[in-house]
Amino acid sequence: MNEILAGQLALDYCVSKEEVRDSRNHFASWQPLEGRRRFREEEPCFLKIASVGGKLLFCGEASLLIWCREWYEKTGAEWFFEAKNMRALNDRLHEEGYRIEMVHPFFISDTPFKVNTQGWEIRWYEGEEIEAFRGDPRFTSAFTFDPGAPDVIGAAALKEGRILGMAGASADSPSMWQIGINVEEEARGLGIGRMLTGLLRNEILKRGKLPFYGTAMSHIGSLRVAVGAGFVPAWSELVTSKTDHE
């Protein structure tokens, strides 16, 4: 397992790097550890679950972890996020006023690759330059303006002066930066997403950070971008949120 990823998941799930790497499921009470990923984080964390390396990491509220251990201590990770399992978990969460918010696969890439940009004008944005896109509905995945995970760098693909695609990276933690991508509808299928994601991957690695990419399991186009840009599956993650009673 990538060393940076092992250290990051250890911070995120309040376990040791050895526990991230071993073959047993682990159950840890959440603590706001310095260096954890902060993107849209709810504090305190009621429950989150990672599937990594064929095992499960549970982190959250201590009393709920007792139930999780009783039900899932010997459960394998491979099919854990299937709907039939999620229904039982969501029912238990609902008793506490919570629900499953989302389950996402995540990809990493720790090796730079040559990216072909022929025929495209590439424009880079950093720091205060990113502010020009605040509130721009075209680039809500590239730039999230989340105070817990600040946007740090972006790369745009232009034709005749018009931006047709934008990739952005947010500093979700000091060691791992997440990539998001938007491509204009009329420009989809041209390889812009793969190109920009690859360019950003290379730049993040150059800065000594580990690039990662998250998406939805049903978003086939986004999954294809990740794979096409040289990313590999690394872990899946479930997060919870308070139930909306309105």
C-alpha atoms as a PDB file:
ATOM      1  CA  MET A   1       0.000   0.000   0.000  1.00  0.00           C
ATOM      2  CA  ASN A   2       1.172   3.524  -0.755  1.00  0.00           C
ATOM      3  CA  GLU A   3       2.906   4.940   2.337  1.00  0.00           C
ATOM      4  CA  ILE A   4       1.183   8.339   2.179  1.00  0.00           C
ATOM      5  CA  LEU A   5      -2.241   6.718   1.804  1.00  0.00           C
ATOM      6  CA  ALA A   6      -1.616   4.379   4.760  1.00  0.00           C
ATOM      7  CA  GLY A   7      -0.646   7.348   6.932  1.00  0.00           C
ATOM      8  CA  GLN A   8      -3.637   9.370   5.789  1.00  0.00           C
ATOM      9  CA  LEU A   9      -6.187   6.645   6.476  1.00  0.00           C
ATOM     10  CA  ALA A  10      -4.595   6.101   9.883  1.00  0.00           C
ATOM     11  CA  LEU A  11      -5.287   9.755  10.732  1.00  0.00           C
ATOM     12  CA  ASP A  12      -8.753   9.734   9.170  1.00  0.00           C
ATOM     13  CA  TYR A  13      -9.853   6.559  10.966  1.00  0.00           C
ATOM     14  CA  CYS A  14      -7.950   7.018  14.258  1.00  0.00           C
ATOM     15  CA  VAL A  15      -5.920   3.818  13.920  1.00  0.00           C
ATOM     16  CA  SER A  16      -2.250   3.011  13.352  1.00  0.00           C
ATOM     17  CA  LYS A  17      -0.640   2.505   9.947  1.00  0.00           C
ATOM     18  CA  GLU A  18      -0.094  -1.118  10.925  1.00  0.00           C
ATOM     19  CA  GLU A  19      -3.846  -1.493  11.502  1.00  0.00           C
ATOM     20  CA  VAL A  20      -4.545   0.038   8.099  1.00  0.00           C
ATOM     21  CA  ARG A  21      -2.303  -2.589   6.517  1.00  0.00           C
ATOM     22  CA  ASP A  22      -3.304  -5.718   8.430  1.00  0.00           C
ATOM     23  CA  SER A  23      -6.152  -8.092   7.533  1.00  0.00           C
ATOM     24  CA  ARG A  24      -8.539  -7.448  10.453  1.00  0.00           C
ATOM     25  CA  ASN A  25     -11.517  -5.084  10.704  1.00  0.00           C
ATOM     26  CA  HIS A  26     -10.957  -2.223  13.179  1.00  0.00           C
ATOM     27  CA  PHE A  27     -13.352  -0.085  15.228  1.00  0.00           C
ATOM     28  CA  ALA A  28     -12.054   3.248  16.587  1.00  0.00           C
ATOM     29  CA  SER A  29     -13.699   6.164  18.361  1.00  0.00           C
ATOM     30  CA  TRP A  30     -13.433   9.337  16.319  1.00  0.00           C
ATOM     31  CA  GLN A  31     -10.931  11.996  17.359  1.00  0.00           C
ATOM     32  CA  PRO A  32     -10.183  15.260  15.529  1.00  0.00           C
ATOM     33  CA  LEU A  33      -6.596  14.303  14.720  1.00  0.00           C
ATOM     34  CA  GLU A  34      -4.353  16.913  13.139  1.00  0.00           C
ATOM     35  CA  GLY A  35      -3.728  16.168   9.469  1.00  0.00           C
ATOM     36  CA  ARG A  36      -7.002  14.334   8.792  1.00  0.00           C
ATOM     37  CA  ARG A  37      -8.931  14.979   5.579  1.00  0.00           C
ATOM     38  CA  ARG A  38     -11.348  17.862   6.132  1.00  0.00           C
ATOM     39  CA  PHE A  39     -13.457  18.032   2.945  1.00  0.00           C
ATOM     40  CA  ARG A  40     -17.087  18.692   3.978  1.00  0.00           C
ATOM     41  CA  GLU A  41     -16.392  17.007   7.284  1.00  0.00           C
ATOM     42  CA  GLU A  42     -19.102  16.822   9.943  1.00  0.00           C
ATOM     43  CA  GLU A  43     -17.786  17.252  13.498  1.00  0.00           C
ATOM     44  CA  PRO A  44     -17.964  15.178  15.530  1.00  0.00           C
ATOM     45  CA  CYS A  45     -18.039  12.249  13.085  1.00  0.00           C
ATOM     46  CA  PHE A  46     -20.922   9.920  13.955  1.00  0.00           C
ATOM     47  CA  LEU A  47     -19.819   7.081  11.661  1.00  0.00           C
ATOM     48  CA  LYS A  48     -17.662   6.545   8.601  1.00  0.00           C
ATOM     49  CA  ILE A  49     -16.422   3.289   7.120  1.00  0.00           C
ATOM     50  CA  ALA A  50     -13.563   2.561   4.737  1.00  0.00           C
ATOM     51  CA  SER A  51     -13.034  -0.571   2.670  1.00  0.00           C
ATOM     52  CA  VAL A  52      -9.307  -0.894   2.007  1.00  0.00           C
ATOM     53  CA  GLY A  53      -6.991  -3.819   1.420  1.00  0.00           C
ATOM     54  CA  GLY A  54      -9.777  -6.380   1.804  1.00  0.00           C
ATOM     55  CA  LYS A  55     -10.838  -5.216   5.287  1.00  0.00           C
ATOM     56  CA  LEU A  56     -13.016  -2.544   6.938  1.00  0.00           C
ATOM     57  CA  LEU A  57     -12.208   0.454   9.120  1.00  0.00           C
ATOM     58  CA  PHE A  58     -15.031   1.829  11.285  1.00  0.00           C
ATOM     59  CA  CYS A  59     -14.668   5.198  12.988  1.00  0.00           C
ATOM     60  CA  GLY A  60     -17.253   7.193  14.905  1.00  0.00           C
ATOM     61  CA  GLU A  61     -19.315   7.456  18.069  1.00  0.00           C
ATOM     62  CA  ALA A  62     -18.293   4.910  20.701  1.00  0.00           C
ATOM     63  CA  SER A  63     -21.747   3.503  21.517  1.00  0.00           C
ATOM     64  CA  LEU A  64     -22.576   2.864  17.840  1.00  0.00           C
ATOM     65  CA  LEU A  65     -19.220   1.145  17.363  1.00  0.00           C
ATOM     66  CA  ILE A  66     -20.289  -1.493  19.899  1.00  0.00           C
ATOM     67  CA  TRP A  67     -23.191  -2.404  17.603  1.00  0.00           C
ATOM     68  CA  CYS A  68     -20.939  -2.280  14.525  1.00  0.00           C
ATOM     69  CA  ARG A  69     -18.436  -4.645  16.135  1.00  0.00           C
ATOM     70  CA  GLU A  70     -21.185  -7.113  17.092  1.00  0.00           C
ATOM     71  CA  TRP A  71     -22.499  -7.169  13.531  1.00  0.00           C
ATOM     72  CA  TYR A  72     -19.409  -6.677  11.400  1.00  0.00           C
ATOM     73  CA  GLU A  73     -16.258  -7.805  13.229  1.00  0.00           C
ATOM     74  CA  LYS A  74     -15.861 -10.852  10.956  1.00  0.00           C
ATOM     75  CA  THR A  75     -17.518  -9.350   7.851  1.00  0.00           C
ATOM     76  CA  GLY A  76     -15.474  -9.280   4.657  1.00  0.00           C
ATOM     77  CA  ALA A  77     -15.036  -6.024   2.793  1.00  0.00           C
ATOM     78  CA  GLU A  78     -15.570  -7.255  -0.756  1.00  0.00           C
ATOM     79  CA  TRP A  79     -19.388  -7.073  -0.816  1.00  0.00           C
ATOM     80  CA  PHE A  80     -19.972  -4.968   2.276  1.00  0.00           C
ATOM     81  CA  PHE A  81     -21.367  -1.935   0.433  1.00  0.00           C
ATOM     82  CA  GLU A  82     -24.073  -3.976  -1.307  1.00  0.00           C
ATOM     83  CA  ALA A  83     -27.602  -2.536  -0.906  1.00  0.00           C
ATOM     84  CA  LYS A  84     -28.871  -5.364   1.344  1.00  0.00           C
ATOM     85  CA  ASN A  85     -26.147  -4.612   3.891  1.00  0.00           C
ATOM     86  CA  MET A  86     -26.638  -0.871   3.644  1.00  0.00           C
ATOM     87  CA  ARG A  87     -30.344  -1.186   4.402  1.00  0.00           C
ATOM     88  CA  ALA A  88     -29.674  -2.791   7.808  1.00  0.00           C
ATOM     89  CA  LEU A  89     -26.997  -0.231   8.607  1.00  0.00           C
ATOM     90  CA  ASN A  90     -29.195   2.678   7.540  1.00  0.00           C
ATOM     91  CA  ASP A  91     -32.065   1.403   9.706  1.00  0.00           C
ATOM     92  CA  ARG A  92     -29.744   1.359  12.723  1.00  0.00           C
ATOM     93  CA  LEU A  93     -28.433   4.834  11.931  1.00  0.00           C
ATOM     94  CA  HIS A  94     -31.986   6.136  11.605  1.00  0.00           C
ATOM     95  CA  GLU A  95     -32.632   5.179  15.231  1.00  0.00           C
ATOM     96  CA  GLU A  96     -29.948   7.704  16.182  1.00  0.00           C
ATOM     97  CA  GLY A  97     -31.156  10.446  13.824  1.00  0.00           C
ATOM     98  CA  TYR A  98     -28.538   9.746  11.155  1.00  0.00           C
ATOM     99  CA  ARG A  99     -28.427   8.206   7.681  1.00  0.00           C
ATOM    100  CA  ILE A 100     -25.969   7.030   5.072  1.00  0.00           C
ATOM    101  CA  GLU A 101     -24.980  10.125   3.106  1.00  0.00           C
ATOM    102  CA  MET A 102     -22.911   8.532   0.339  1.00  0.00           C
ATOM    103  CA  VAL A 103     -20.586   5.679  -0.585  1.00  0.00           C
ATOM    104  CA  HIS A 104     -17.771   6.608  -2.956  1.00  0.00           C
ATOM    105  CA  PRO A 105     -14.797   4.833  -4.562  1.00  0.00           C
ATOM    106  CA  PHE A 106     -11.454   6.637  -4.433  1.00  0.00           C
ATOM    107  CA  PHE A 107      -8.441   6.384  -6.729  1.00  0.00           C
ATOM    108  CA  ILE A 108      -4.794   7.394  -6.344  1.00  0.00           C
ATOM    109  CA  SER A 109      -1.840   7.812  -8.690  1.00  0.00           C
ATOM    110  CA  ASP A 110       1.730   7.982  -7.395  1.00  0.00           C
ATOM    111  CA  THR A 111       3.540   7.972 -10.749  1.00  0.00           C
ATOM    112  CA  PRO A 112       3.685  10.852 -13.263  1.00  0.00           C
ATOM    113  CA  PHE A 113       2.779  10.156 -16.901  1.00  0.00           C
ATOM    114  CA  LYS A 114       3.343  12.139 -20.085  1.00  0.00           C
ATOM    115  CA  VAL A 115       0.164  13.968 -21.126  1.00  0.00           C
ATOM    116  CA  ASN A 116      -0.538  14.989 -24.722  1.00  0.00           C
ATOM    117  CA  THR A 117      -1.948  18.549 -24.856  1.00  0.00           C
ATOM    118  CA  GLN A 118      -1.527  19.093 -28.604  1.00  0.00           C
ATOM    119  CA  GLY A 119      -4.243  21.316 -30.048  1.00  0.00           C
ATOM    120  CA  TRP A 120      -5.262  22.765 -26.684  1.00  0.00           C
ATOM    121  CA  GLU A 121      -4.368  25.957 -24.886  1.00  0.00           C
ATOM    122  CA  ILE A 122      -3.705  25.120 -21.227  1.00  0.00           C
ATOM    123  CA  ARG A 123      -4.103  27.833 -18.627  1.00  0.00           C
ATOM    124  CA  TRP A 124      -3.165  27.437 -14.955  1.00  0.00           C
ATOM    125  CA  TYR A 125      -4.772  29.102 -11.947  1.00  0.00           C
ATOM    126  CA  GLU A 126      -3.481  29.301  -8.397  1.00  0.00           C
ATOM    127  CA  GLY A 127      -4.194  31.091  -5.136  1.00  0.00           C
ATOM    128  CA  GLU A 128      -6.247  34.248  -5.545  1.00  0.00           C
ATOM    129  CA  GLU A 129      -6.739  33.598  -9.275  1.00  0.00           C
ATOM    130  CA  ILE A 130      -9.177  30.823  -8.341  1.00  0.00           C
ATOM    131  CA  GLU A 131     -11.485  33.375  -6.689  1.00  0.00           C
ATOM    132  CA  ALA A 132     -12.586  34.475 -10.164  1.00  0.00           C
ATOM    133  CA  PHE A 133     -14.591  31.210 -10.377  1.00  0.00           C
ATOM    134  CA  ARG A 134     -16.427  31.484  -7.054  1.00  0.00           C
ATOM    135  CA  GLY A 135     -20.131  30.991  -7.772  1.00  0.00           C
ATOM    136  CA  ASP A 136     -19.471  29.915 -11.381  1.00  0.00           C
ATOM    137  CA  PRO A 137     -21.912  27.029 -12.022  1.00  0.00           C
ATOM    138  CA  ARG A 138     -19.667  25.578 -14.734  1.00  0.00           C
ATOM    139  CA  PHE A 139     -16.905  24.528 -12.347  1.00  0.00           C
ATOM    140  CA  THR A 140     -18.502  23.383  -9.105  1.00  0.00           C
ATOM    141  CA  SER A 141     -16.582  20.079  -9.116  1.00  0.00           C
ATOM    142  CA  ALA A 142     -13.236  21.633 -10.001  1.00  0.00           C
ATOM    143  CA  PHE A 143     -13.496  24.318  -7.293  1.00  0.00           C
ATOM    144  CA  THR A 144     -15.606  23.666  -4.184  1.00  0.00           C
ATOM    145  CA  PHE A 145     -14.555  26.654  -2.024  1.00  0.00           C
ATOM    146  CA  ASP A 146     -14.742  24.466   1.064  1.00  0.00           C
ATOM    147  CA  PRO A 147     -12.929  26.191   3.973  1.00  0.00           C
ATOM    148  CA  GLY A 148     -11.861  22.806   5.342  1.00  0.00           C
ATOM    149  CA  ALA A 149     -10.263  21.799   2.031  1.00  0.00           C
ATOM    150  CA  PRO A 150      -9.079  24.954   0.239  1.00  0.00           C
ATOM    151  CA  ASP A 151      -8.752  24.988  -3.552  1.00  0.00           C
ATOM    152  CA  VAL A 152      -5.060  25.303  -4.365  1.00  0.00           C
ATOM    153  CA  ILE A 153      -4.537  24.895  -8.121  1.00  0.00           C
ATOM    154  CA  GLY A 154      -6.492  24.532 -11.353  1.00  0.00           C
ATOM    155  CA  ALA A 155      -5.849  23.773 -15.016  1.00  0.00           C
ATOM    156  CA  ALA A 156      -8.166  24.763 -17.871  1.00  0.00           C
ATOM    157  CA  ALA A 157      -8.354  23.597 -21.492  1.00  0.00           C
ATOM    158  CA  LEU A 158      -9.279  26.380 -23.950  1.00  0.00           C
ATOM    159  CA  LYS A 159     -10.196  26.615 -27.625  1.00  0.00           C
ATOM    160  CA  GLU A 160     -10.290  30.039 -29.249  1.00  0.00           C
ATOM    161  CA  GLY A 161     -10.112  31.629 -25.822  1.00  0.00           C
ATOM    162  CA  ARG A 162     -13.066  29.726 -24.369  1.00  0.00           C
ATOM    163  CA  ILE A 163     -12.723  27.372 -21.406  1.00  0.00           C
ATOM    164  CA  LEU A 164     -14.126  23.953 -22.329  1.00  0.00           C
ATOM    165  CA  GLY A 165     -12.863  22.054 -19.299  1.00  0.00           C
ATOM    166  CA  MET A 166     -11.444  22.737 -15.853  1.00  0.00           C
ATOM    167  CA  ALA A 167      -9.715  20.495 -13.320  1.00  0.00           C
ATOM    168  CA  GLY A 168      -9.027  21.723  -9.815  1.00  0.00           C
ATOM    169  CA  ALA A 169      -7.282  20.356  -6.734  1.00  0.00           C
ATOM    170  CA  SER A 170      -8.259  20.935  -3.116  1.00  0.00           C
ATOM    171  CA  ALA A 171      -5.923  20.413  -0.151  1.00  0.00           C
ATOM    172  CA  ASP A 172      -8.119  17.934   1.705  1.00  0.00           C
ATOM    173  CA  SER A 173      -5.141  17.260   3.984  1.00  0.00           C
ATOM    174  CA  PRO A 174      -1.519  18.386   4.195  1.00  0.00           C
ATOM    175  CA  SER A 175      -0.365  15.296   2.270  1.00  0.00           C
ATOM    176  CA  MET A 176      -3.251  14.428  -0.102  1.00  0.00           C
ATOM    177  CA  TRP A 177      -4.914  16.720  -2.655  1.00  0.00           C
ATOM    178  CA  GLN A 178      -8.192  15.763  -4.322  1.00  0.00           C
ATOM    179  CA  ILE A 179      -8.885  16.383  -8.017  1.00  0.00           C
ATOM    180  CA  GLY A 180     -12.277  17.461  -9.368  1.00  0.00           C
ATOM    181  CA  ILE A 181     -13.180  17.967 -13.026  1.00  0.00           C
ATOM    182  CA  ASN A 182     -15.833  19.748 -15.110  1.00  0.00           C
ATOM    183  CA  VAL A 183     -16.160  19.555 -18.913  1.00  0.00           C
ATOM    184  CA  GLU A 184     -18.638  21.590 -20.931  1.00  0.00           C
ATOM    185  CA  GLU A 185     -21.370  19.408 -22.433  1.00  0.00           C
ATOM    186  CA  GLU A 186     -20.517  20.102 -26.062  1.00  0.00           C
ATOM    187  CA  ALA A 187     -16.852  19.177 -25.433  1.00  0.00           C
ATOM    188  CA  ARG A 188     -17.415  15.808 -23.784  1.00  0.00           C
ATOM    189  CA  GLY A 189     -15.908  12.759 -25.430  1.00  0.00           C
ATOM    190  CA  LEU A 190     -12.814  14.643 -26.606  1.00  0.00           C
ATOM    191  CA  GLY A 191     -10.531  13.415 -23.820  1.00  0.00           C
ATOM    192  CA  ILE A 192     -10.401  16.762 -22.009  1.00  0.00           C
ATOM    193  CA  GLY A 193     -11.189  15.236 -18.624  1.00  0.00           C
ATOM    194  CA  ARG A 194      -8.406  12.658 -18.858  1.00  0.00           C
ATOM    195  CA  MET A 195      -5.942  15.248 -20.129  1.00  0.00           C
ATOM    196  CA  LEU A 196      -6.600  17.814 -17.405  1.00  0.00           C
ATOM    197  CA  THR A 197      -6.752  15.210 -14.656  1.00  0.00           C
ATOM    198  CA  GLY A 198      -3.403  13.854 -15.825  1.00  0.00           C
ATOM    199  CA  LEU A 199      -1.839  17.305 -15.943  1.00  0.00           C
ATOM    200  CA  LEU A 200      -3.030  18.086 -12.437  1.00  0.00           C
ATOM    201  CA  ARG A 201      -1.834  14.676 -11.192  1.00  0.00           C
ATOM    202  CA  ASN A 202       1.664  15.418 -12.473  1.00  0.00           C
ATOM    203  CA  GLU A 203       1.730  18.878 -10.898  1.00  0.00           C
ATOM    204  CA  ILE A 204       0.519  17.593  -7.511  1.00  0.00           C
ATOM    205  CA  LEU A 205       3.190  14.871  -7.482  1.00  0.00           C
ATOM    206  CA  LYS A 206       5.805  17.480  -8.374  1.00  0.00           C
ATOM    207  CA  ARG A 207       4.800  19.355  -5.212  1.00  0.00           C
ATOM    208  CA  GLY A 208       5.312  16.289  -3.040  1.00  0.00           C
ATOM    209  CA  LYS A 209       1.622  15.514  -2.448  1.00  0.00           C
ATOM    210  CA  LEU A 210      -0.402  12.413  -3.307  1.00  0.00           C
ATOM    211  CA  PRO A 211      -3.223  13.123  -5.816  1.00  0.00           C
ATOM    212  CA  PHE A 212      -6.512  11.308  -5.349  1.00  0.00           C
ATOM    213  CA  TYR A 213      -9.808  11.225  -7.192  1.00  0.00           C
ATOM    214  CA  GLY A 214     -13.242  10.388  -5.795  1.00  0.00           C
ATOM    215  CA  THR A 215     -16.481   9.802  -7.656  1.00  0.00           C
ATOM    216  CA  ALA A 216     -19.820   7.991  -7.460  1.00  0.00           C
ATOM    217  CA  MET A 217     -20.081   4.272  -8.207  1.00  0.00           C
ATOM    218  CA  SER A 218     -22.790   4.986 -10.806  1.00  0.00           C
ATOM    219  CA  HIS A 219     -20.853   7.792 -12.555  1.00  0.00           C
ATOM    220  CA  ILE A 220     -19.333   5.696 -15.331  1.00  0.00           C
ATOM    221  CA  GLY A 221     -17.970   8.691 -17.240  1.00  0.00           C
ATOM    222  CA  SER A 222     -16.076   9.912 -14.192  1.00  0.00           C
ATOM    223  CA  LEU A 223     -14.761   6.416 -13.451  1.00  0.00           C
ATOM    224  CA  ARG A 224     -13.456   6.225 -17.018  1.00  0.00           C
ATOM    225  CA  VAL A 225     -11.694   9.568 -16.581  1.00  0.00           C
ATOM    226  CA  ALA A 226      -9.903   8.296 -13.464  1.00  0.00           C
ATOM    227  CA  VAL A 227      -8.726   5.094 -15.122  1.00  0.00           C
ATOM    228  CA  GLY A 228      -7.860   6.857 -18.380  1.00  0.00           C
ATOM    229  CA  ALA A 229      -5.725   9.391 -16.517  1.00  0.00           C
ATOM    230  CA  GLY A 230      -3.636   6.664 -14.871  1.00  0.00           C
ATOM    231  CA  PHE A 231      -5.373   6.403 -11.492  1.00  0.00           C
ATOM    232  CA  VAL A 232      -5.993   3.068  -9.763  1.00  0.00           C
ATOM    233  CA  PRO A 233      -8.688   2.099  -7.214  1.00  0.00           C
ATOM    234  CA  ALA A 234      -7.389   2.487  -3.653  1.00  0.00           C
ATOM    235  CA  TRP A 235     -10.310   2.466  -1.189  1.00  0.00           C
ATOM    236  CA  SER A 236     -14.078   2.998  -0.863  1.00  0.00           C
ATOM    237  CA  GLU A 237     -15.669   5.125   1.821  1.00  0.00           C
ATOM    238  CA  LEU A 238     -19.073   5.499   3.451  1.00  0.00           C
ATOM    239  CA  VAL A 239     -19.964   8.693   5.313  1.00  0.00           C
ATOM    240  CA  THR A 240     -23.068   9.587   7.319  1.00  0.00           C
ATOM    241  CA  SER A 241     -25.045  12.740   8.048  1.00  0.00           C
ATOM    242  CA  LYS A 242     -27.875  13.849  10.309  1.00  0.00           C
ATOM    243  CA  THR A 243     -31.355  12.975   9.110  1.00  0.00           C
ATOM    244  CA  ASP A 244     -33.255  15.887   7.601  1.00  0.00           C
ATOM    245  CA  HIS A 245     -36.499  16.134   9.593  1.00  0.00           C
ATOM    246  CA  GLU A 246     -37.967  19.046   7.653  1.00  0.00           C
END
